[in-house]
Amino acid sequence: MFASLRPYLPAAVLASLIFYFGFQALTGDRGLLSLSQRNELLAARRGELARVQAQRRDLEARARLMRDGAVSRDLVEERARYLLGFSDPRDYVIHTRP
């Protein structure tokens, strides 16, 4: 019985491989049907990248102001108030939970 099916074995293996790769091309992690999910993830990651880049620019500007050659009095006062827990009577203080 198996001897009569032997000539069809390579064609069956090839057909199953074509079916498998075709199925993965449609429904796999990088398939055509998951394109919208990837686009949403990409948009979210781009937003996160923009936020992190803005935070980095802010930190670099603060670091530039705190270098030895040019220390900003305003920045030193702000950091001292933050670390010591003091505030100016004219400041608005909003307490948030960490």
PDB file of N, CA and C in Angstrom:
ATOM      1  N   MET A   1       0.827  -1.188   0.000  1.00  0.00           N
ATOM      2  CA  MET A   1       0.000   0.000   0.000  1.00  0.00           C
ATOM      3  C   MET A   1       0.869   1.248   0.000  1.00  0.00           C
ATOM      4  N   PHE A   2       1.890   1.299   0.872  1.00  0.00           N
ATOM      5  CA  PHE A   2       2.753   2.467   0.930  1.00  0.00           C
ATOM      6  C   PHE A   2       3.624   2.609  -0.312  1.00  0.00           C
ATOM      7  N   ALA A   3       3.878   1.517  -0.949  1.00  0.00           N
ATOM      8  CA  ALA A   3       4.694   1.547  -2.172  1.00  0.00           C
ATOM      9  C   ALA A   3       3.965   2.294  -3.274  1.00  0.00           C
ATOM     10  N   SER A   4       2.663   2.196  -3.306  1.00  0.00           N
ATOM     11  CA  SER A   4       1.913   2.890  -4.356  1.00  0.00           C
ATOM     12  C   SER A   4       1.804   4.395  -4.093  1.00  0.00           C
ATOM     13  N   LEU A   5       1.936   4.824  -2.810  1.00  0.00           N
ATOM     14  CA  LEU A   5       1.863   6.251  -2.465  1.00  0.00           C
ATOM     15  C   LEU A   5       3.232   6.936  -2.487  1.00  0.00           C
ATOM     16  N   ARG A   6       4.303   6.154  -2.606  1.00  0.00           N
ATOM     17  CA  ARG A   6       5.659   6.692  -2.547  1.00  0.00           C
ATOM     18  C   ARG A   6       5.950   7.760  -3.604  1.00  0.00           C
ATOM     19  N   PRO A   7       5.498   7.657  -4.831  1.00  0.00           N
ATOM     20  CA  PRO A   7       5.779   8.715  -5.822  1.00  0.00           C
ATOM     21  C   PRO A   7       5.112  10.053  -5.481  1.00  0.00           C
ATOM     22  N   TYR A   8       4.055  10.022  -4.674  1.00  0.00           N
ATOM     23  CA  TYR A   8       3.335  11.251  -4.321  1.00  0.00           C
ATOM     24  C   TYR A   8       3.876  11.921  -3.055  1.00  0.00           C
ATOM     25  N   LEU A   9       4.781  11.283  -2.376  1.00  0.00           N
ATOM     26  CA  LEU A   9       5.313  11.797  -1.117  1.00  0.00           C
ATOM     27  C   LEU A   9       6.031  13.150  -1.273  1.00  0.00           C
ATOM     28  N   PRO A  10       6.924  13.332  -2.251  1.00  0.00           N
ATOM     29  CA  PRO A  10       7.548  14.667  -2.393  1.00  0.00           C
ATOM     30  C   PRO A  10       6.532  15.768  -2.696  1.00  0.00           C
ATOM     31  N   ALA A  11       5.542  15.476  -3.499  1.00  0.00           N
ATOM     32  CA  ALA A  11       4.515  16.470  -3.818  1.00  0.00           C
ATOM     33  C   ALA A  11       3.690  16.812  -2.586  1.00  0.00           C
ATOM     34  N   ALA A  12       3.396  15.811  -1.738  1.00  0.00           N
ATOM     35  CA  ALA A  12       2.626  16.050  -0.519  1.00  0.00           C
ATOM     36  C   ALA A  12       3.425  16.889   0.472  1.00  0.00           C
ATOM     37  N   VAL A  13       4.727  16.594   0.607  1.00  0.00           N
ATOM     38  CA  VAL A  13       5.577  17.383   1.497  1.00  0.00           C
ATOM     39  C   VAL A  13       5.667  18.816   1.000  1.00  0.00           C
ATOM     40  N   LEU A  14       5.869  19.006  -0.303  1.00  0.00           N
ATOM     41  CA  LEU A  14       5.948  20.347  -0.879  1.00  0.00           C
ATOM     42  C   LEU A  14       4.630  21.111  -0.702  1.00  0.00           C
ATOM     43  N   ALA A  15       3.516  20.437  -0.903  1.00  0.00           N
ATOM     44  CA  ALA A  15       2.211  21.082  -0.733  1.00  0.00           C
ATOM     45  C   ALA A  15       1.987  21.481   0.718  1.00  0.00           C
ATOM     46  N   SER A  16       2.408  20.632   1.653  1.00  0.00           N
ATOM     47  CA  SER A  16       2.235  20.981   3.061  1.00  0.00           C
ATOM     48  C   SER A  16       3.137  22.151   3.458  1.00  0.00           C
ATOM     49  N   LEU A  17       4.352  22.214   2.920  1.00  0.00           N
ATOM     50  CA  LEU A  17       5.230  23.363   3.193  1.00  0.00           C
ATOM     51  C   LEU A  17       4.653  24.654   2.625  1.00  0.00           C
ATOM     52  N   ILE A  18       4.115  24.576   1.422  1.00  0.00           N
ATOM     53  CA  ILE A  18       3.494  25.766   0.818  1.00  0.00           C
ATOM     54  C   ILE A  18       2.304  26.215   1.648  1.00  0.00           C
ATOM     55  N   PHE A  19       1.485  25.277   2.112  1.00  0.00           N
ATOM     56  CA  PHE A  19       0.343  25.621   2.946  1.00  0.00           C
ATOM     57  C   PHE A  19       0.800  26.256   4.255  1.00  0.00           C
ATOM     58  N   TYR A  20       1.824  25.677   4.891  1.00  0.00           N
ATOM     59  CA  TYR A  20       2.311  26.196   6.171  1.00  0.00           C
ATOM     60  C   TYR A  20       2.827  27.623   6.022  1.00  0.00           C
ATOM     61  N   PHE A  21       3.691  27.860   5.043  1.00  0.00           N
ATOM     62  CA  PHE A  21       4.252  29.202   4.874  1.00  0.00           C
ATOM     63  C   PHE A  21       3.189  30.210   4.424  1.00  0.00           C
ATOM     64  N   GLY A  22       2.225  29.771   3.645  1.00  0.00           N
ATOM     65  CA  GLY A  22       1.123  30.657   3.259  1.00  0.00           C
ATOM     66  C   GLY A  22       0.269  31.035   4.448  1.00  0.00           C
ATOM     67  N   PHE A  23       0.004  30.067   5.313  1.00  0.00           N
ATOM     68  CA  PHE A  23      -0.782  30.324   6.521  1.00  0.00           C
ATOM     69  C   PHE A  23      -0.044  31.291   7.448  1.00  0.00           C
ATOM     70  N   GLN A  24       1.261  31.095   7.618  1.00  0.00           N
ATOM     71  CA  GLN A  24       2.054  31.988   8.459  1.00  0.00           C
ATOM     72  C   GLN A  24       2.147  33.387   7.855  1.00  0.00           C
ATOM     73  N   ALA A  25       2.183  33.496   6.539  1.00  0.00           N
ATOM     74  CA  ALA A  25       2.229  34.806   5.891  1.00  0.00           C
ATOM     75  C   ALA A  25       0.958  35.603   6.151  1.00  0.00           C
ATOM     76  N   LEU A  26      -0.137  34.916   6.364  1.00  0.00           N
ATOM     77  CA  LEU A  26      -1.395  35.608   6.649  1.00  0.00           C
ATOM     78  C   LEU A  26      -1.608  35.863   8.137  1.00  0.00           C
ATOM     79  N   THR A  27      -1.368  34.867   8.971  1.00  0.00           N
ATOM     80  CA  THR A  27      -1.772  34.967  10.377  1.00  0.00           C
ATOM     81  C   THR A  27      -0.615  35.019  11.363  1.00  0.00           C
ATOM     82  N   GLY A  28       0.614  34.959  10.927  1.00  0.00           N
ATOM     83  CA  GLY A  28       1.745  34.938  11.839  1.00  0.00           C
ATOM     84  C   GLY A  28       1.985  36.285  12.512  1.00  0.00           C
ATOM     85  N   ASP A  29       3.027  36.348  13.336  1.00  0.00           N
ATOM     86  CA  ASP A  29       3.359  37.588  14.048  1.00  0.00           C
ATOM     87  C   ASP A  29       3.639  38.737  13.083  1.00  0.00           C
ATOM     88  N   ARG A  30       4.212  38.443  11.971  1.00  0.00           N
ATOM     89  CA  ARG A  30       4.524  39.474  10.974  1.00  0.00           C
ATOM     90  C   ARG A  30       3.661  39.319   9.724  1.00  0.00           C
ATOM     91  N   GLY A  31       2.533  38.683   9.861  1.00  0.00           N
ATOM     92  CA  GLY A  31       1.657  38.413   8.737  1.00  0.00           C
ATOM     93  C   GLY A  31       0.834  39.617   8.321  1.00  0.00           C
ATOM     94  N   LEU A  32       0.106  39.419   7.249  1.00  0.00           N
ATOM     95  CA  LEU A  32      -0.702  40.506   6.689  1.00  0.00           C
ATOM     96  C   LEU A  32      -1.855  40.908   7.596  1.00  0.00           C
ATOM     97  N   LEU A  33      -2.404  39.965   8.344  1.00  0.00           N
ATOM     98  CA  LEU A  33      -3.551  40.279   9.196  1.00  0.00           C
ATOM     99  C   LEU A  33      -3.150  41.019  10.475  1.00  0.00           C
ATOM    100  N   SER A  34      -1.885  41.000  10.841  1.00  0.00           N
ATOM    101  CA  SER A  34      -1.442  41.702  12.047  1.00  0.00           C
ATOM    102  C   SER A  34      -0.828  43.061  11.725  1.00  0.00           C
ATOM    103  N   LEU A  35      -1.021  43.539  10.525  1.00  0.00           N
ATOM    104  CA  LEU A  35      -0.442  44.821  10.106  1.00  0.00           C
ATOM    105  C   LEU A  35      -1.001  45.986  10.923  1.00  0.00           C
ATOM    106  N   SER A  36      -2.282  45.993  11.211  1.00  0.00           N
ATOM    107  CA  SER A  36      -2.869  47.110  11.956  1.00  0.00           C
ATOM    108  C   SER A  36      -2.339  47.143  13.399  1.00  0.00           C
ATOM    109  N   GLN A  37      -2.146  45.969  14.004  1.00  0.00           N
ATOM    110  CA  GLN A  37      -1.582  45.922  15.355  1.00  0.00           C
ATOM    111  C   GLN A  37      -0.158  46.472  15.365  1.00  0.00           C
ATOM    112  N   ARG A  38       0.620  46.135  14.352  1.00  0.00           N
ATOM    113  CA  ARG A  38       1.996  46.644  14.273  1.00  0.00           C
ATOM    114  C   ARG A  38       2.009  48.149  14.074  1.00  0.00           C
ATOM    115  N   ASN A  39       1.072  48.660  13.279  1.00  0.00           N
ATOM    116  CA  ASN A  39       1.014  50.111  13.076  1.00  0.00           C
ATOM    117  C   ASN A  39       0.635  50.839  14.363  1.00  0.00           C
ATOM    118  N   GLU A  40      -0.287  50.271  15.142  1.00  0.00           N
ATOM    119  CA  GLU A  40      -0.659  50.871  16.429  1.00  0.00           C
ATOM    120  C   GLU A  40       0.521  50.852  17.401  1.00  0.00           C
ATOM    121  N   LEU A  41       1.232  49.753  17.445  1.00  0.00           N
ATOM    122  CA  LEU A  41       2.401  49.647  18.307  1.00  0.00           C
ATOM    123  C   LEU A  41       3.480  50.630  17.883  1.00  0.00           C
ATOM    124  N   LEU A  42       3.665  50.784  16.589  1.00  0.00           N
ATOM    125  CA  LEU A  42       4.653  51.738  16.078  1.00  0.00           C
ATOM    126  C   LEU A  42       4.289  53.165  16.466  1.00  0.00           C
ATOM    127  N   ALA A  43       3.020  53.524  16.362  1.00  0.00           N
ATOM    128  CA  ALA A  43       2.583  54.876  16.746  1.00  0.00           C
ATOM    129  C   ALA A  43       2.794  55.106  18.242  1.00  0.00           C
ATOM    130  N   ALA A  44       2.495  54.103  19.056  1.00  0.00           N
ATOM    131  CA  ALA A  44       2.701  54.238  20.499  1.00  0.00           C
ATOM    132  C   ALA A  44       4.185  54.389  20.820  1.00  0.00           C
ATOM    133  N   ARG A  45       5.020  53.622  20.165  1.00  0.00           N
ATOM    134  CA  ARG A  45       6.465  53.707  20.414  1.00  0.00           C
ATOM    135  C   ARG A  45       7.040  55.034  19.937  1.00  0.00           C
ATOM    136  N   ARG A  46       6.508  55.573  18.853  1.00  0.00           N
ATOM    137  CA  ARG A  46       6.978  56.887  18.386  1.00  0.00           C
ATOM    138  C   ARG A  46       6.599  57.977  19.376  1.00  0.00           C
ATOM    139  N   GLY A  47       5.405  57.885  19.953  1.00  0.00           N
ATOM    140  CA  GLY A  47       5.001  58.839  20.981  1.00  0.00           C
ATOM    141  C   GLY A  47       5.887  58.744  22.206  1.00  0.00           C
ATOM    142  N   GLU A  48       6.216  57.510  22.602  1.00  0.00           N
ATOM    143  CA  GLU A  48       7.098  57.313  23.751  1.00  0.00           C
ATOM    144  C   GLU A  48       8.502  57.846  23.439  1.00  0.00           C
ATOM    145  N   LEU A  49       8.958  57.644  22.218  1.00  0.00           N
ATOM    146  CA  LEU A  49      10.272  58.162  21.823  1.00  0.00           C
ATOM    147  C   LEU A  49      10.301  59.681  21.885  1.00  0.00           C
ATOM    148  N   ALA A  50       9.254  60.337  21.417  1.00  0.00           N
ATOM    149  CA  ALA A  50       9.198  61.799  21.467  1.00  0.00           C
ATOM    150  C   ALA A  50       9.214  62.290  22.910  1.00  0.00           C
ATOM    151  N   ARG A  51       8.493  61.604  23.787  1.00  0.00           N
ATOM    152  CA  ARG A  51       8.468  61.981  25.196  1.00  0.00           C
ATOM    153  C   ARG A  51       9.848  61.818  25.839  1.00  0.00           C
ATOM    154  N   VAL A  52      10.505  60.716  25.549  1.00  0.00           N
ATOM    155  CA  VAL A  52      11.822  60.468  26.127  1.00  0.00           C
ATOM    156  C   VAL A  52      12.852  61.458  25.568  1.00  0.00           C
ATOM    157  N   GLN A  53      12.747  61.786  24.293  1.00  0.00           N
ATOM    158  CA  GLN A  53      13.672  62.767  23.716  1.00  0.00           C
ATOM    159  C   GLN A  53      13.484  64.137  24.348  1.00  0.00           C
ATOM    160  N   ALA A  54      12.241  64.543  24.596  1.00  0.00           N
ATOM    161  CA  ALA A  54      11.986  65.825  25.255  1.00  0.00           C
ATOM    162  C   ALA A  54      12.533  65.813  26.678  1.00  0.00           C
ATOM    163  N   GLN A  55      12.364  64.713  27.370  1.00  0.00           N
ATOM    164  CA  GLN A  55      12.901  64.587  28.729  1.00  0.00           C
ATOM    165  C   GLN A  55      14.428  64.657  28.705  1.00  0.00           C
ATOM    166  N   ARG A  56      15.034  64.033  27.713  1.00  0.00           N
ATOM    167  CA  ARG A  56      16.497  64.072  27.607  1.00  0.00           C
ATOM    168  C   ARG A  56      16.983  65.489  27.330  1.00  0.00           C
ATOM    169  N   ARG A  57      16.303  66.206  26.445  1.00  0.00           N
ATOM    170  CA  ARG A  57      16.709  67.595  26.165  1.00  0.00           C
ATOM    171  C   ARG A  57      16.624  68.444  27.424  1.00  0.00           C
ATOM    172  N   ASP A  58      15.571  68.237  28.219  1.00  0.00           N
ATOM    173  CA  ASP A  58      15.419  68.978  29.469  1.00  0.00           C
ATOM    174  C   ASP A  58      16.554  68.647  30.438  1.00  0.00           C
ATOM    175  N   LEU A  59      16.879  67.373  30.567  1.00  0.00           N
ATOM    176  CA  LEU A  59      17.960  66.977  31.467  1.00  0.00           C
ATOM    177  C   LEU A  59      19.316  67.496  30.987  1.00  0.00           C
ATOM    178  N   GLU A  60      19.538  67.501  29.677  1.00  0.00           N
ATOM    179  CA  GLU A  60      20.800  68.031  29.156  1.00  0.00           C
ATOM    180  C   GLU A  60      20.912  69.527  29.412  1.00  0.00           C
ATOM    181  N   ALA A  61      19.789  70.247  29.285  1.00  0.00           N
ATOM    182  CA  ALA A  61      19.815  71.683  29.560  1.00  0.00           C
ATOM    183  C   ALA A  61      20.107  71.938  31.033  1.00  0.00           C
ATOM    184  N   ARG A  62      19.517  71.143  31.915  1.00  0.00           N
ATOM    185  CA  ARG A  62      19.784  71.293  33.346  1.00  0.00           C
ATOM    186  C   ARG A  62      21.236  70.953  33.670  1.00  0.00           C
ATOM    187  N   ALA A  63      21.761  69.939  33.032  1.00  0.00           N
ATOM    188  CA  ALA A  63      23.155  69.559  33.280  1.00  0.00           C
ATOM    189  C   ALA A  63      24.109  70.646  32.792  1.00  0.00           C
ATOM    190  N   ARG A  64      23.773  71.283  31.681  1.00  0.00           N
ATOM    191  CA  ARG A  64      24.598  72.386  31.175  1.00  0.00           C
ATOM    192  C   ARG A  64      24.630  73.545  32.163  1.00  0.00           C
ATOM    193  N   LEU A  65      23.499  73.794  32.820  1.00  0.00           N
ATOM    194  CA  LEU A  65      23.431  74.896  33.781  1.00  0.00           C
ATOM    195  C   LEU A  65      24.168  74.584  35.079  1.00  0.00           C
ATOM    196  N   MET A  66      24.392  73.302  35.361  1.00  0.00           N
ATOM    197  CA  MET A  66      25.023  72.932  36.624  1.00  0.00           C
ATOM    198  C   MET A  66      26.521  72.662  36.492  1.00  0.00           C
ATOM    199  N   ARG A  67      27.110  72.923  35.341  1.00  0.00           N
ATOM    200  CA  ARG A  67      28.546  72.705  35.183  1.00  0.00           C
ATOM    201  C   ARG A  67      29.329  73.690  36.035  1.00  0.00           C
ATOM    202  N   ASP A  68      30.579  73.362  36.286  1.00  0.00           N
ATOM    203  CA  ASP A  68      31.426  74.159  37.181  1.00  0.00           C
ATOM    204  C   ASP A  68      31.584  75.599  36.722  1.00  0.00           C
ATOM    205  N   GLY A  69      31.752  75.810  35.443  1.00  0.00           N
ATOM    206  CA  GLY A  69      32.031  77.157  34.939  1.00  0.00           C
ATOM    207  C   GLY A  69      30.864  78.113  35.064  1.00  0.00           C
ATOM    208  N   ALA A  70      29.660  77.623  34.896  1.00  0.00           N
ATOM    209  CA  ALA A  70      28.495  78.510  34.894  1.00  0.00           C
ATOM    210  C   ALA A  70      27.357  77.860  35.668  1.00  0.00           C
ATOM    211  N   VAL A  71      27.302  78.104  36.948  1.00  0.00           N
ATOM    212  CA  VAL A  71      26.233  77.556  37.771  1.00  0.00           C
ATOM    213  C   VAL A  71      25.095  78.566  37.821  1.00  0.00           C
ATOM    214  N   SER A  72      23.906  78.118  37.498  1.00  0.00           N
ATOM    215  CA  SER A  72      22.742  78.987  37.515  1.00  0.00           C
ATOM    216  C   SER A  72      22.206  79.073  38.947  1.00  0.00           C
ATOM    217  N   ARG A  73      22.081  80.287  39.468  1.00  0.00           N
ATOM    218  CA  ARG A  73      21.588  80.472  40.827  1.00  0.00           C
ATOM    219  C   ARG A  73      20.140  79.986  40.958  1.00  0.00           C
ATOM    220  N   ASP A  74      19.351  80.211  39.925  1.00  0.00           N
ATOM    221  CA  ASP A  74      17.952  79.772  39.971  1.00  0.00           C
ATOM    222  C   ASP A  74      17.851  78.246  40.071  1.00  0.00           C
ATOM    223  N   LEU A  75      18.679  77.567  39.300  1.00  0.00           N
ATOM    224  CA  LEU A  75      18.632  76.110  39.326  1.00  0.00           C
ATOM    225  C   LEU A  75      19.104  75.574  40.670  1.00  0.00           C
ATOM    226  N   VAL A  76      20.141  76.168  41.236  1.00  0.00           N
ATOM    227  CA  VAL A  76      20.635  75.733  42.543  1.00  0.00           C
ATOM    228  C   VAL A  76      19.568  75.972  43.605  1.00  0.00           C
ATOM    229  N   GLU A  77      18.901  77.125  43.540  1.00  0.00           N
ATOM    230  CA  GLU A  77      17.844  77.423  44.509  1.00  0.00           C
ATOM    231  C   GLU A  77      16.681  76.435  44.363  1.00  0.00           C
ATOM    232  N   GLU A  78      16.313  76.132  43.132  1.00  0.00           N
ATOM    233  CA  GLU A  78      15.219  75.190  42.903  1.00  0.00           C
ATOM    234  C   GLU A  78      15.566  73.809  43.449  1.00  0.00           C
ATOM    235  N   ARG A  79      16.770  73.322  43.183  1.00  0.00           N
ATOM    236  CA  ARG A  79      17.187  72.010  43.674  1.00  0.00           C
ATOM    237  C   ARG A  79      17.264  71.990  45.201  1.00  0.00           C
ATOM    238  N   ALA A  80      17.776  73.076  45.803  1.00  0.00           N
ATOM    239  CA  ALA A  80      17.877  73.127  47.267  1.00  0.00           C
ATOM    240  C   ALA A  80      16.483  73.099  47.894  1.00  0.00           C
ATOM    241  N   ARG A  81      15.545  73.829  47.330  1.00  0.00           N
ATOM    242  CA  ARG A  81      14.190  73.818  47.857  1.00  0.00           C
ATOM    243  C   ARG A  81      13.558  72.440  47.724  1.00  0.00           C
ATOM    244  N   TYR A  82      13.802  71.815  46.596  1.00  0.00           N
ATOM    245  CA  TYR A  82      13.217  70.488  46.382  1.00  0.00           C
ATOM    246  C   TYR A  82      13.805  69.480  47.360  1.00  0.00           C
ATOM    247  N   LEU A  83      15.112  69.478  47.517  1.00  0.00           N
ATOM    248  CA  LEU A  83      15.759  68.493  48.378  1.00  0.00           C
ATOM    249  C   LEU A  83      15.477  68.744  49.860  1.00  0.00           C
ATOM    250  N   LEU A  84      15.399  70.002  50.267  1.00  0.00           N
ATOM    251  CA  LEU A  84      15.177  70.315  51.673  1.00  0.00           C
ATOM    252  C   LEU A  84      13.694  70.386  52.035  1.00  0.00           C
ATOM    253  N   GLY A  85      12.837  70.458  51.032  1.00  0.00           N
ATOM    254  CA  GLY A  85      11.407  70.489  51.300  1.00  0.00           C
ATOM    255  C   GLY A  85      10.876  71.862  51.636  1.00  0.00           C
ATOM    256  N   PHE A  86      11.610  72.917  51.302  1.00  0.00           N
ATOM    257  CA  PHE A  86      11.153  74.277  51.558  1.00  0.00           C
ATOM    258  C   PHE A  86      10.492  74.851  50.319  1.00  0.00           C
ATOM    259  N   SER A  87       9.679  75.876  50.553  1.00  0.00           N
ATOM    260  CA  SER A  87       9.071  76.566  49.426  1.00  0.00           C
ATOM    261  C   SER A  87       8.974  78.049  49.746  1.00  0.00           C
ATOM    262  N   ASP A  88       8.904  78.821  48.702  1.00  0.00           N
ATOM    263  CA  ASP A  88       8.753  80.263  48.837  1.00  0.00           C
ATOM    264  C   ASP A  88       7.292  80.546  49.183  1.00  0.00           C
ATOM    265  N   PRO A  89       7.002  81.578  49.983  1.00  0.00           N
ATOM    266  CA  PRO A  89       5.603  81.881  50.312  1.00  0.00           C
ATOM    267  C   PRO A  89       4.749  82.180  49.083  1.00  0.00           C
ATOM    268  N   ARG A  90       5.380  82.589  48.001  1.00  0.00           N
ATOM    269  CA  ARG A  90       4.636  82.899  46.779  1.00  0.00           C
ATOM    270  C   ARG A  90       4.444  81.678  45.884  1.00  0.00           C
ATOM    271  N   ASP A  91       5.037  80.543  46.238  1.00  0.00           N
ATOM    272  CA  ASP A  91       4.934  79.340  45.413  1.00  0.00           C
ATOM    273  C   ASP A  91       3.615  78.619  45.671  1.00  0.00           C
ATOM    274  N   TYR A  92       3.134  77.979  44.611  1.00  0.00           N
ATOM    275  CA  TYR A  92       1.994  77.076  44.730  1.00  0.00           C
ATOM    276  C   TYR A  92       2.558  75.675  44.905  1.00  0.00           C
ATOM    277  N   VAL A  93       2.110  74.973  45.925  1.00  0.00           N
ATOM    278  CA  VAL A  93       2.609  73.638  46.212  1.00  0.00           C
ATOM    279  C   VAL A  93       1.472  72.656  45.974  1.00  0.00           C
ATOM    280  N   ILE A  94       1.737  71.680  45.127  1.00  0.00           N
ATOM    281  CA  ILE A  94       0.761  70.639  44.825  1.00  0.00           C
ATOM    282  C   ILE A  94       1.395  69.329  45.239  1.00  0.00           C
ATOM    283  N   HIS A  95       0.822  68.682  46.226  1.00  0.00           N
ATOM    284  CA  HIS A  95       1.356  67.415  46.703  1.00  0.00           C
ATOM    285  C   HIS A  95       0.816  66.274  45.867  1.00  0.00           C
ATOM    286  N   THR A  96       1.715  65.423  45.404  1.00  0.00           N
ATOM    287  CA  THR A  96       1.324  64.249  44.650  1.00  0.00           C
ATOM    288  C   THR A  96       1.942  63.022  45.301  1.00  0.00           C
ATOM    289  N   ARG A  97       1.339  61.900  45.064  1.00  0.00           N
ATOM    290  CA  ARG A  97       1.889  60.661  45.595  1.00  0.00           C
ATOM    291  C   ARG A  97       2.966  60.167  44.637  1.00  0.00           C
ATOM    292  N   PRO A  98       4.038  59.573  45.159  1.00  0.00           N
ATOM    293  CA  PRO A  98       5.094  59.073  44.273  1.00  0.00           C
ATOM    294  C   PRO A  98       4.659  57.835  43.524  1.00  0.00           C
TER     295      PRO A  98
END
